[in-house]
């Protein structure tokens, strides 16, 4: 009788395992001619949910067109409340795809990854990781299928568009927070689950090379430098090596040639602002990875390359879970201590530039030719001249202009939009419980101009000016935001007037800057409290 039960259990296990691995994505079912619709993905993840008790689904946002953005939580044992993750020994990894809905292979790869994980409930990955997977962050853009979108891309036949239902780019919304999708990531992923590792999947647009997979790390110089160095010197090189040795996927760190007609000049990663979500997560002191798959590789190769990269990242996170959690804990502690006891040498970068990383990289490159384009412009075309180059990788960003990192910022206004932005970011703030006389720095504009071109619905501010020390009384109820908190770097980014990605840049303070008549400008209504005052701040 015991043998009968054992045989029955084995049969059920085989049937269940087969049913999980037999579920196919749209790409797989069509031999990689098509990519998944929103409904295809909802049906796929619902099927996985029904078949596995180590997967459940959460809704993290609702789009402008009314579609729900879904996230899979995969954990063994399952975790039913995000608050439990804080003290869990497992490391939380969040993976998102399809933020730009024409860049679709991550959407397919993340579905395949979820299927793999629930088919291997006893894996080392699930012993050491809690995995959050969002396969379609931009459903509204996804459903605008056309064969006229991304025509330079090597499959599939039809894809969606870059923008969301508001005609905004979600991957430019890290600071200003105007899209429901970005707000959902903050409200329901970063501020709740606090993932240690963040992965964002894309497709390249640029330079010519053989490697089907590229990736890089957060590069904004504001944030804990130890985390950037850890990614640059340890985690990313190991992922690079293992992706090739274990999965036979050729890969290179993400970038473009500085000069396509002279590829020996170097390879650079040029997008450093925190409006990009990978950099945004970096200034929150978390490890973040940008996956960019090669646009000219065929769709199947891109999907499988992205899938194997995600497997490799999870392998690394699993094998180094304790180390990752520890370095992040130390980064938060350093940030808090920096705000509490800031020194004159503690600085915040308002301008920066890229420098070569310590080690050159090898790229299996193709040289480019130029051909006549429209309106007198020249276009690039890949030649058949392939050659390997070993070049500098310009991805180390360091300040060229800095200001002292302050103890706190004091807001001389009460603005509902600013307050909501702070709340969504997860930033702590307080109010003075009595009038206080404080020595602060105020910013005086010498020039304030709008950008010449509209950007994400904004004529962003181009600012020049200087700080001057003043002593003034701040009334009871005045808002004070201290930098002695885990998001202290982000606090500075939001409020420093000369950054190219803060709230002033994105027009949050415009109505407070000029009188109704006259050409003069008011001081910037956010004051820098540079040092902790001798008299304790009476806040509430």
Foldseek 3Di string as FASTA:
>chain_A
DVVVVVVVVVVVLVVLLCVLLVDAAPCVVVVNQDHDAPVSLVVLVVVVVVSFQQKDKDFLFAFPVGRTFIKIKGAVVHDDFLVVLVPDQAAEEEEEECLFWQFQLQLRLLSVLSSVCRSCVPDLLRVRYTYMYGSHLANQQFVQWDQPPPVVFQDRNIIGGQAHPVRFRQQLAQAQPPTRSNLSCLVPPCVRNVGQEYEYEGADDAFFFDAFKAKDWAAAPQADVVLNCCCVPPVVVVLQVCLCPVVVGHYYYDFHQPDLQCSQAFTEDDDRDVSGPRNVVRNLQHIYMYMHGYRHDHSVSNNVSSNSSVVSSSVVCSVCVVVSVVSSVVRLQVQLVCLAFPDQPAKFAQAKFWDFDPAWIKTFHFHWDWDADPPRDIDIDTDPDTDIYTHTYGRHMDHPDIHGQANKKWFLDDDPSVVVSCVSNVFDKWWFQAKDKAKWKWWAWPDWDFAPDADSNGRFIQTDTDIDIDIDIDGTGIMMGGLSGSSSSVNCQQPVCSHCRHVNRRPVCVVQFDDPDDDGTDIDRMIGRHHQDPDHGRID
